[in-house]
Every structure is written in structure tokens, then in C-alpha cells.
Protein backbone atom coordinates (compact mmCIF):
# COMPACT_ATOMS: atom_id res chain seq x y z
CA MET A 1 33.37 6.14 -6.98
CA THR A 2 34.06 2.98 -5.20
CA GLU A 3 30.45 2.05 -4.01
CA THR A 4 29.03 -1.12 -6.00
CA ASN A 5 25.17 -0.86 -6.73
CA ARG A 6 23.38 -4.01 -5.45
CA GLN A 7 20.18 -4.27 -7.62
CA TYR A 8 17.66 -7.01 -8.78
CA LEU A 9 16.51 -7.72 -11.78
CA LEU A 10 13.13 -9.22 -13.00
CA LYS A 11 14.26 -12.48 -14.58
CA ALA A 12 11.44 -14.31 -14.99
CA ARG A 13 7.53 -13.68 -14.92
CA PRO A 14 5.91 -15.34 -11.94
CA VAL A 15 3.30 -18.38 -12.23
CA GLY A 16 1.18 -18.33 -8.87
CA LEU A 17 3.72 -16.74 -5.82
CA PRO A 18 6.95 -15.21 -7.02
CA LYS A 19 10.16 -17.48 -6.45
CA ALA A 20 13.46 -16.43 -5.81
CA THR A 21 14.49 -17.77 -9.47
CA ASP A 22 12.06 -15.31 -10.61
CA PHE A 23 14.55 -12.23 -9.97
CA GLU A 24 18.25 -12.02 -10.43
CA LEU A 25 20.83 -10.15 -7.60
CA VAL A 26 23.43 -8.47 -9.79
CA SER A 27 26.12 -6.10 -8.62
CA THR A 28 27.00 -3.22 -11.49
CA PRO A 29 29.01 0.31 -11.02
CA PRO A 30 26.40 3.18 -9.87
CA VAL A 31 25.84 5.59 -12.80
CA LYS A 32 26.68 8.82 -12.92
CA PRO A 33 23.85 11.53 -13.63
CA ALA A 34 23.59 13.52 -16.26
CA ALA A 35 22.37 16.97 -16.53
CA GLY A 36 19.16 16.78 -14.61
CA GLU A 37 19.55 13.71 -13.16
CA VAL A 38 20.23 12.63 -9.16
CA LEU A 39 22.41 9.69 -7.97
CA VAL A 40 20.66 8.39 -5.08
CA GLY A 41 21.63 6.11 -2.21
CA VAL A 42 18.20 3.93 -1.28
CA GLU A 43 18.06 3.55 2.32
CA TYR A 44 14.47 2.33 2.53
CA LEU A 45 11.88 0.54 0.11
CA SER A 46 8.46 -0.01 -0.49
CA LEU A 47 7.46 -3.36 -0.28
CA ASP A 48 3.69 -3.74 -1.74
CA PRO A 49 1.03 -5.90 -3.13
CA ALA A 50 0.88 -4.45 -6.24
CA MET A 51 4.42 -5.44 -7.30
CA ARG A 52 2.99 -9.12 -7.92
CA GLY A 53 0.91 -6.92 -10.19
CA TRP A 54 4.14 -5.04 -12.19
CA MET A 55 5.37 -8.05 -12.93
CA ASN A 56 2.96 -9.49 -14.94
CA GLU A 57 2.83 -9.33 -18.58
CA GLY A 58 -0.47 -7.58 -20.07
CA ARG A 59 -2.45 -4.18 -19.85
CA SER A 60 -2.41 -2.74 -16.65
CA TYR A 61 -2.29 0.76 -15.18
CA VAL A 62 1.28 1.26 -15.63
CA PRO A 63 3.12 -0.59 -18.31
CA PRO A 64 4.83 -4.22 -16.76
CA VAL A 65 8.23 -4.46 -15.51
CA LYS A 66 10.03 -6.06 -18.14
CA LEU A 67 12.56 -8.65 -18.15
CA GLY A 68 16.19 -7.98 -17.28
CA ALA A 69 15.25 -4.47 -15.96
CA VAL A 70 15.61 -3.41 -12.22
CA MET A 71 12.43 -4.49 -10.13
CA ARG A 72 10.42 -1.46 -9.77
CA ALA A 73 9.45 -0.22 -6.25
CA LEU A 74 9.18 3.20 -4.59
CA GLY A 75 12.23 3.92 -1.89
CA VAL A 76 13.47 6.67 -0.04
CA GLY A 77 17.27 8.04 0.55
CA ARG A 78 19.70 10.45 0.31
CA VAL A 79 21.61 12.50 -2.71
CA ILE A 80 24.63 11.06 -3.30
CA GLU A 81 25.60 13.77 -6.40
CA SER A 82 23.03 16.24 -8.39
CA ALA A 83 23.14 16.94 -11.65
CA ASP A 84 20.50 19.64 -11.42
CA PRO A 85 20.04 22.88 -9.21
CA ALA A 86 17.04 21.22 -7.65
CA PHE A 87 19.32 18.96 -5.33
CA LYS A 88 22.10 18.75 -3.93
CA ALA A 89 24.33 16.19 -2.30
CA GLY A 90 22.94 15.34 1.57
CA ASP A 91 19.23 16.41 0.38
CA TYR A 92 16.99 13.10 1.47
CA VAL A 93 14.18 12.63 -1.22
CA SER A 94 11.92 9.58 -2.04
CA GLY A 95 10.74 8.49 -5.47
CA GLY A 96 10.65 4.76 -7.73
CA PHE A 97 13.79 3.89 -7.18
CA GLY A 98 13.65 -0.08 -7.92
CA ILE A 99 15.04 -2.79 -5.99
CA GLN A 100 18.60 -1.83 -5.80
CA SER A 101 21.14 0.17 -3.25
CA HIS A 102 21.79 3.16 -5.85
CA ALA A 103 19.37 4.57 -8.26
CA THR A 104 20.12 7.38 -10.93
CA VAL A 105 16.75 8.93 -11.76
CA PRO A 106 15.58 12.13 -13.33
CA ALA A 107 15.27 14.70 -10.39
CA LYS A 108 11.86 15.85 -11.38
CA ASP A 109 10.77 12.41 -10.27
CA CYS A 110 11.88 13.24 -6.85
CA THR A 111 10.50 14.65 -4.04
CA LYS A 112 12.33 16.18 -0.84
CA ILE A 113 11.36 15.21 2.27
CA ASP A 114 11.95 16.44 6.00
CA ILE A 115 13.64 14.36 8.27
CA GLY A 116 13.12 16.59 10.95
CA LEU A 117 9.15 16.32 10.45
CA ALA A 118 9.44 12.08 10.40
CA PRO A 119 11.77 9.28 10.19
CA LEU A 120 12.57 7.95 6.94
CA PRO A 121 10.25 4.43 6.90
CA THR A 122 7.34 6.96 7.86
CA TYR A 123 7.64 8.44 4.05
CA LEU A 124 7.13 5.47 2.37
CA ASN A 125 3.74 4.67 5.13
CA VAL A 126 1.67 7.26 6.01
CA LEU A 127 3.30 9.80 4.49
CA GLY A 128 3.94 8.47 1.65
CA MET A 129 1.75 6.08 -1.14
CA THR A 130 0.09 4.32 1.79
CA GLY A 131 -1.38 7.48 3.35
CA MET A 132 -2.11 8.86 -0.24
CA THR A 133 -4.07 5.73 -0.95
CA ALA A 134 -6.07 5.60 1.91
CA TYR A 135 -7.09 9.20 2.38
CA PHE A 136 -8.30 9.80 -1.42
CA GLY A 137 -9.57 6.22 -1.54
CA LEU A 138 -11.94 6.38 1.40
CA LEU A 139 -12.62 10.72 1.36
CA GLU A 140 -12.78 10.61 -2.45
CA VAL A 141 -14.34 7.34 -3.65
CA GLY A 142 -16.14 6.01 -0.11
CA LEU A 143 -17.18 9.61 0.63
CA PRO A 144 -18.10 8.42 4.11
CA LYS A 145 -20.64 10.57 6.25
CA ALA A 146 -20.31 11.42 9.66
CA GLY A 147 -22.38 8.20 11.63
CA GLU A 148 -21.51 5.71 9.05
CA THR A 149 -20.20 2.20 9.00
CA VAL A 150 -17.10 1.79 6.99
CA VAL A 151 -15.43 -1.64 6.43
CA VAL A 152 -12.35 -2.32 5.59
CA SER A 153 -9.83 -5.48 5.03
CA ALA A 154 -6.87 -6.09 5.36
CA ALA A 155 -7.17 -3.85 7.75
CA ALA A 156 -3.71 -4.59 9.84
CA GLY A 157 -1.84 -3.35 6.60
CA ALA A 158 -0.57 -0.34 5.85
CA VAL A 159 -3.43 1.17 3.73
CA GLY A 160 -6.43 -0.71 5.79
CA ALA A 161 -5.16 0.77 9.14
CA THR A 162 -4.86 4.33 7.82
CA VAL A 163 -8.66 4.07 6.23
CA GLY A 164 -9.98 3.05 9.63
CA GLN A 165 -8.11 5.50 11.54
CA ILE A 166 -9.44 8.62 8.96
CA ALA A 167 -12.74 7.39 9.17
CA LYS A 168 -12.72 7.53 12.60
CA ILE A 169 -11.44 11.02 12.31
CA LYS A 170 -14.32 11.47 9.99
CA GLY A 171 -16.82 10.27 12.93
CA CYS A 172 -17.91 6.95 11.40
CA ARG A 173 -18.60 3.56 13.33
CA VAL A 174 -15.03 1.44 11.56
CA VAL A 175 -15.32 -2.36 11.29
CA GLY A 176 -11.80 -3.91 10.78
CA ILE A 177 -11.07 -7.43 8.97
CA ALA A 178 -8.21 -8.71 9.62
CA GLY A 179 -6.12 -12.13 10.54
CA GLY A 180 -5.01 -13.18 14.11
CA PRO A 181 -5.22 -12.16 17.33
CA GLU A 182 -2.76 -9.79 17.76
CA LYS A 183 -3.93 -8.01 14.79
CA CYS A 184 -7.23 -7.62 16.14
CA ARG A 185 -5.85 -5.98 19.84
CA TRP A 186 -3.78 -3.54 18.11
CA LEU A 187 -6.83 -2.01 15.57
CA THR A 188 -8.86 -1.99 18.41
CA GLU A 189 -7.05 -1.05 21.19
CA ASP A 190 -4.26 1.15 20.36
CA LEU A 191 -6.37 2.25 16.51
CA GLY A 192 -9.80 2.90 17.95
CA PHE A 193 -11.78 0.56 15.50
CA ASP A 194 -14.75 -0.73 17.06
CA ALA A 195 -15.31 -3.87 16.39
CA VAL A 196 -12.23 -6.24 14.52
CA ILE A 197 -13.37 -10.07 12.87
CA ASP A 198 -10.79 -11.94 12.96
CA TYR A 199 -10.89 -13.58 9.62
CA LYS A 200 -8.84 -16.41 10.00
CA ALA A 201 -11.07 -17.84 13.08
CA GLU A 202 -14.49 -16.74 12.54
CA ASN A 203 -17.05 -16.78 9.34
CA VAL A 204 -17.08 -13.51 8.28
CA ALA A 205 -20.18 -13.20 6.88
CA LYS A 206 -21.69 -13.86 10.29
CA ALA A 207 -19.54 -11.59 12.64
CA LEU A 208 -20.57 -9.29 9.96
CA ARG A 209 -23.74 -9.29 11.00
CA VAL A 210 -22.88 -8.52 14.68
CA ALA A 211 -19.90 -6.13 13.97
CA ALA A 212 -22.06 -3.93 11.86
CA PRO A 213 -25.68 -4.36 12.61
CA GLN A 214 -26.82 -1.20 10.96
CA GLY A 215 -25.73 -2.28 7.70
CA ILE A 216 -22.28 -1.48 5.33
CA ASP A 217 -22.37 1.90 4.08
CA VAL A 218 -18.67 2.25 2.76
CA TYR A 219 -16.33 -0.99 1.94
CA PHE A 220 -13.09 -0.69 1.20
CA ASP A 221 -11.56 -3.79 -0.19
CA ASN A 222 -8.13 -4.73 -0.11
CA VAL A 223 -8.50 -8.27 -0.65
CA GLY A 224 -11.52 -9.46 -3.01
CA GLY A 225 -12.51 -12.96 -3.10
CA GLU A 226 -15.26 -14.11 -0.65
CA ILE A 227 -14.53 -11.36 1.98
CA LEU A 228 -16.15 -9.33 -0.61
CA GLU A 229 -18.75 -11.32 -1.22
CA ALA A 230 -19.53 -11.76 2.52
CA CYS A 231 -19.37 -7.92 2.21
CA LEU A 232 -21.83 -7.00 -0.91
CA ALA A 233 -24.14 -9.17 0.82
CA GLN A 234 -24.88 -7.03 3.93
CA ILE A 235 -24.31 -3.37 1.90
CA ASN A 236 -26.88 -0.46 2.68
CA LEU A 237 -28.68 1.35 0.18
CA ARG A 238 -26.56 3.59 -1.78
CA ALA A 239 -23.21 2.16 -0.25
CA ARG A 240 -19.91 2.59 -1.83
CA ILE A 241 -17.62 0.00 -2.35
CA VAL A 242 -14.12 0.90 -2.59
CA ILE A 243 -12.01 -1.54 -4.87
CA CYS A 244 -8.08 -0.94 -4.07
CA GLY A 245 -6.79 -4.10 -3.99
CA ALA A 246 -7.67 -8.01 -4.09
CA ILE A 247 -4.28 -9.68 -2.69
CA SER A 248 -6.22 -12.57 -2.62
CA GLN A 249 -6.50 -13.39 -6.04
CA TYR A 250 -2.69 -11.92 -6.96
CA ASN A 251 -0.63 -15.16 -7.03
CA ALA A 252 -3.84 -17.54 -8.71
CA THR A 253 -2.74 -19.76 -11.84
CA GLU A 254 -6.40 -19.21 -13.07
CA ALA A 255 -8.80 -16.08 -13.74
CA PRO A 256 -10.36 -14.66 -10.99
CA LYS A 257 -14.10 -14.50 -10.98
CA GLY A 258 -15.70 -11.62 -9.82
CA PRO A 259 -18.45 -11.63 -7.10
CA ALA A 260 -21.71 -14.01 -7.15
CA ASN A 261 -23.68 -11.62 -5.63
CA TYR A 262 -23.14 -8.46 -7.52
CA LEU A 263 -26.59 -8.02 -8.33
CA SER A 264 -26.68 -6.50 -4.68
CA LEU A 265 -25.13 -3.23 -6.42
CA LEU A 266 -28.51 -2.99 -8.04
CA VAL A 267 -30.68 -3.91 -5.33
CA ASN A 268 -29.14 -1.44 -3.48
CA ARG A 269 -28.37 1.23 -5.73
CA ALA A 270 -24.74 1.06 -4.73
CA ARG A 271 -21.58 2.11 -6.45
CA MET A 272 -18.33 0.12 -6.88
CA GLU A 273 -15.57 2.13 -8.04
CA GLY A 274 -11.68 0.97 -8.27
CA MET A 275 -9.10 3.67 -7.40
CA ILE A 276 -5.53 4.08 -8.28
CA VAL A 277 -3.82 6.80 -6.28
CA PHE A 278 -1.30 8.26 -9.07
CA ASP A 279 -4.80 9.99 -10.59
CA TYR A 280 -4.62 12.40 -7.19
CA ALA A 281 -0.93 13.14 -7.47
CA ASP A 282 -1.30 17.26 -7.95
CA ARG A 283 -3.18 17.14 -4.48
CA TYR A 284 -0.92 14.77 -2.82
CA HIS A 285 0.94 17.86 -0.80
CA ILE A 286 -3.11 18.08 0.65
CA ALA A 287 -3.46 14.84 1.58
CA ALA A 288 0.08 15.13 3.27
CA GLN A 289 -1.13 18.65 5.36
CA ASP A 290 -3.96 16.71 6.82
CA ILE A 291 -2.45 13.41 7.57
CA ALA A 292 0.88 14.71 9.33
CA GLY A 293 -1.53 17.01 11.35
CA TRP A 294 -3.33 14.57 12.20
CA MET A 295 -0.51 12.58 13.42
CA LYS A 296 0.64 15.81 15.22
CA ALA A 297 -2.42 16.07 17.28
CA GLY A 298 -2.19 12.15 18.21
CA LYS A 299 -4.89 11.25 15.89
CA LEU A 300 -3.13 8.69 13.74
CA LYS A 301 -0.64 6.25 13.74
CA GLY A 302 1.69 4.42 11.92
CA LYS A 303 3.54 0.86 11.96
CA GLU A 304 6.41 0.00 9.81
CA ASP A 305 7.88 -3.74 9.35
CA ILE A 306 10.79 -2.97 8.58
CA VAL A 307 13.22 -6.23 7.47
CA GLU A 308 17.19 -5.65 6.78
CA GLY A 309 18.86 -6.28 3.70
CA LEU A 310 18.44 -6.17 0.38
CA LYS A 311 19.57 -9.59 -0.13
CA THR A 312 16.05 -10.93 1.64
CA PHE A 313 14.03 -9.43 -0.91
CA PRO A 314 12.48 -12.10 -2.50
CA GLU A 315 11.25 -13.81 0.87
CA THR A 316 10.70 -10.69 2.49
CA LEU A 317 8.49 -10.01 -0.25
CA LEU A 318 5.84 -12.98 0.25
CA LYS A 319 5.29 -11.98 3.64
CA LEU A 320 2.70 -9.49 1.68
CA PHE A 321 0.91 -12.73 0.89
CA SER A 322 0.94 -15.20 3.48
CA GLY A 323 -0.11 -12.20 6.12
CA GLU A 324 2.56 -12.17 8.55
CA ASN A 325 3.80 -8.65 7.42
CA PHE A 326 1.99 -6.39 10.55
CA GLY A 327 1.78 -2.87 9.65
CA LYS A 328 3.86 -1.57 6.36
CA LEU A 329 5.90 -3.92 5.13
CA ILE A 330 9.48 -2.09 4.15
CA LEU A 331 13.10 -3.53 3.19
CA LYS A 332 16.19 -1.68 5.29
CA VAL A 333 18.93 -1.36 2.25
């Protein structure tokens, strides 16, 4: 085996924004798979806001990445060598491969994917965890009904864009909150959002009164902070707030503050609930079928922002927190 496995290890726990010195790029020989394992040549890696939380010490929905360990990430690639009868060399798979070029992992943790149905990056976007998050977060937690108003923040991001499109499919009025005119135009002209608020150029609270004059029935929150406050101020009776992420808070050096107007939940008998996509793992296949059908019918689109080169990982990751990425941020190994 002549290949070299290039991998990024977590060297230090970041304080604030991650820095290049928080990671270490090393080269090692790929590990030959033992019984029940496969060796995967990783081709694309998903970069997600949740990765920032995985770097922190402390209790969460998954254990933190250990110092000196390969940085956790989802990926897609091709099986180079298999020691499990369920897979053979040449199969395309997805799984938790980490930020590295070659991953030796348990075969049971891999899922076969069909590149005849969609390109590989799509399986890290609408046909991957991104799509699953949007699907279950909106439909299972948000419970939208036709005719209701759904507001989604980080609407030009991978999850937000998918949430908005599914809400439209379900007959809702959809308002997106995004940053910059290009993203806002894409949401209305390409994806069919009913209205979009540019948080970089507008007062969100005031703009919401115009964009959602009947109030908010479902708010899908990806950012937290001031935008969550603005949306809570305009929720309707029995509204549902889906807490999917809080990207505005992830790099804070002080403890994040909750919304000062949380009593709006009491007054409106509303519900605010967090969601983690892994809770729905036994039904991913159902979501994938629906999403693939909507894509085939031209009702749902995905957009990938692909950056080439494993070595660019530390700086590419920062695009998530500056709002620079447009669509699903993916690293081409």
C-alpha cells in the first residue's frame, strides 16, 4: 500500500474562533482494515457549524473530539479495500470519516450510495445529514400546516435553504433571513421563498413585521442571539420554534445569553424545542425517498460551495462563521 493518509488532528481546544494552530496536519500510512472494517479513499468532506461544538470539552450530545485525535467530520468516498462481505472495492460510501484522505472504519458505520442517482457532494447535502436535519427538524418538530408562516434563519445555508423549500412544498408562506443581496436574490428567484430579509442591511425586527404581517407560526432557528429575540417577539398563538443551531454563539468567549423575551412563549402558549438529527436515524430512508422524489420533480434544489484541497481545512472552516459560504460547505480532498 503506497498511499499516504493525510489527516488533521485536533491539537488544542479553540478559544473563540478556531485557529490554524489548533490543528496539526500529519501524514501516516493508511491502516489495513481488520475483519468487519473497510478502508475508504475519502473524496469529499462535510464542513458544518456543529464541528465547533465538537472541539469543546464538556457534556454534549456526542463526546468531544479528543486532543490528538482526527478531527470529526462526515464524508463520502470509495472503498479501496474491504474486510467485510457487505462491501467490495469500488463501492461508494458515506460515513463519519474525519478530516483525512484515507479512513479505516467499521463497515457497519458506512452507507452505500449510488452515484448514478446523484453526484457525490449531494450525499453531503440534501441527500445527507443536511437534508435529514431539515426534513425532521421542520416536519417532526416544527409541524408546519398549509397556510402557516414559516421563518428560517441562515436561510441561504445548507439546512436553511432545504427547510424553506420543504415548507413551500407543504403549502406554507416562507420568509428567509440571510446576509447579502446575492443570497437573498437566490432564495426568492431560484428557490421560491415568499420574502427574504437581509440581516446585514435591514433591522430584522422591523422587516419581519412587513415580511410576516400575520405573525410567525414556525421559526426554524439556526443562529440564536438577536435574530431569535426578534422572531420570538412576533410569534403567534401555539407557535413552534425549532432550535437547530446557534451559529452566532459558537465562538463566544463568554456564556451565551438566552432570549430576554422568552415570556413570549408563555403568553402565546408556544413551544421551543431542540432537535438533533441522530435521533431520527431509523427513519433516514423515509426522508431520503421523499427528498429524492422532490428533487426529481424539480421541487427541491441543492447548492454546494466546494473548496478544493485538504490542506485548506483550517481556513475553509472559518467560512461558516463569517457567513462567507453560499450553500453547503464541502471540502474536496
